[in-house]
Amino acid sequence: RTRLRARTYRCGARPEPKKAAEAFARAEAEAKKAGAALVLAEIDTEWAPLVWDTDLEGAVDKLELAVQTGAQDADIGAAAKRNLALALFRTM
């Protein structure tokens, strides 16, 4: 539910990236606590573009883990790979 709230902050008529990032951080903590690796990969895939302007290394780290975990699910894996490619391009 926290992840969906984060998505509404990000995708609403007037996006609120700060609130979305805070909600994604809470969702990540919940997923880690529950040991839900695929959910964590989804969260990190969606969250990384919000933080790569301020923490590019952290976003790349999260996306690398999401790519590894997302290999179990084609939809998550493809999105994580795409976002990782974009993040790595930004490092150049």
Protein backbone atom coordinates (compact mmCIF):
# COMPACT_ATOMS: atom_id res chain seq x y z
CA ARG A 1 0.00 0.00 0.00
CA THR A 2 2.86 2.36 0.76
CA ARG A 3 4.34 1.71 -2.68
CA LEU A 4 1.04 2.58 -4.34
CA ARG A 5 0.85 5.79 -2.35
CA ALA A 6 4.35 6.66 -3.58
CA ARG A 7 3.26 6.03 -7.15
CA THR A 8 0.27 8.36 -6.74
CA TYR A 9 2.59 11.11 -5.52
CA ARG A 10 4.82 10.55 -8.53
CA CYS A 11 2.15 10.15 -11.19
CA GLY A 12 -0.60 12.53 -10.09
CA ALA A 13 -1.77 15.63 -11.92
CA ARG A 14 0.81 17.60 -9.94
CA PRO A 15 3.69 15.23 -9.16
CA GLU A 16 5.29 15.57 -5.74
CA PRO A 17 8.72 13.94 -6.09
CA LYS A 18 9.80 14.64 -2.50
CA LYS A 19 6.71 12.96 -1.02
CA ALA A 20 7.07 10.11 -3.51
CA ALA A 21 10.72 9.53 -2.53
CA GLU A 22 9.79 9.52 1.17
CA ALA A 23 6.98 7.02 0.55
CA PHE A 24 9.28 4.80 -1.54
CA ALA A 25 11.81 4.87 1.33
CA ARG A 26 9.11 3.65 3.73
CA ALA A 27 7.99 1.00 1.24
CA GLU A 28 11.59 -0.18 0.83
CA ALA A 29 11.98 -0.51 4.59
CA GLU A 30 8.75 -2.54 4.79
CA ALA A 31 9.84 -4.82 1.93
CA LYS A 32 13.25 -5.40 3.52
CA LYS A 33 11.61 -6.19 6.85
CA ALA A 34 9.27 -8.68 5.16
CA GLY A 35 12.08 -10.20 3.08
CA ALA A 36 10.12 -9.61 -0.14
CA ALA A 37 12.92 -9.51 -2.73
CA LEU A 38 10.77 -9.10 -5.84
CA VAL A 39 8.73 -6.33 -4.26
CA LEU A 40 11.97 -4.65 -3.24
CA ALA A 41 13.21 -4.89 -6.84
CA GLU A 42 9.99 -3.24 -8.05
CA ILE A 43 10.27 -0.47 -5.49
CA ASP A 44 13.91 0.25 -6.32
CA THR A 45 13.16 0.23 -10.05
CA GLU A 46 10.45 2.84 -9.58
CA TRP A 47 12.31 4.86 -6.95
CA ALA A 48 15.73 5.20 -8.62
CA PRO A 49 14.73 7.82 -11.22
CA LEU A 50 13.52 10.06 -8.39
CA VAL A 51 16.85 10.03 -6.59
CA TRP A 52 19.48 9.76 -9.32
CA ASP A 53 19.80 13.56 -9.55
CA THR A 54 20.87 13.70 -5.91
CA ASP A 55 22.38 10.23 -5.34
CA LEU A 56 23.42 8.66 -8.62
CA GLU A 57 25.70 6.02 -7.02
CA GLY A 58 22.94 4.93 -4.68
CA ALA A 59 20.47 4.70 -7.56
CA VAL A 60 22.92 2.59 -9.59
CA ASP A 61 23.48 0.27 -6.61
CA LYS A 62 19.74 -0.18 -6.10
CA LEU A 63 19.18 -0.82 -9.78
CA GLU A 64 21.99 -3.37 -10.02
CA LEU A 65 20.32 -5.35 -7.23
CA ALA A 66 16.93 -4.90 -8.88
CA VAL A 67 18.29 -6.30 -12.16
CA GLN A 68 19.69 -9.35 -10.39
CA THR A 69 16.49 -9.98 -8.44
CA GLY A 70 14.22 -8.95 -11.31
CA ALA A 71 15.59 -11.74 -13.49
CA GLN A 72 12.87 -13.89 -11.88
CA ASP A 73 10.14 -11.71 -13.40
CA ALA A 74 10.34 -10.51 -17.01
CA ASP A 75 8.42 -7.28 -16.42
CA ILE A 76 10.50 -6.18 -13.45
CA GLY A 77 13.74 -7.29 -15.07
CA ALA A 78 13.13 -5.32 -18.26
CA ALA A 79 12.23 -2.13 -16.41
CA ALA A 80 15.18 -2.49 -14.03
CA LYS A 81 17.58 -3.00 -16.95
CA ARG A 82 16.22 0.04 -18.75
CA ASN A 83 16.53 2.25 -15.68
CA LEU A 84 20.02 0.90 -14.95
CA ALA A 85 21.09 1.72 -18.51
CA LEU A 86 19.77 5.26 -18.09
CA ALA A 87 21.50 5.66 -14.72
CA LEU A 88 24.80 4.37 -16.10
CA PHE A 89 24.50 6.75 -19.05
CA ARG A 90 24.12 9.63 -16.57
CA THR A 91 27.43 8.66 -14.94
CA MET A 92 29.31 9.49 -18.13
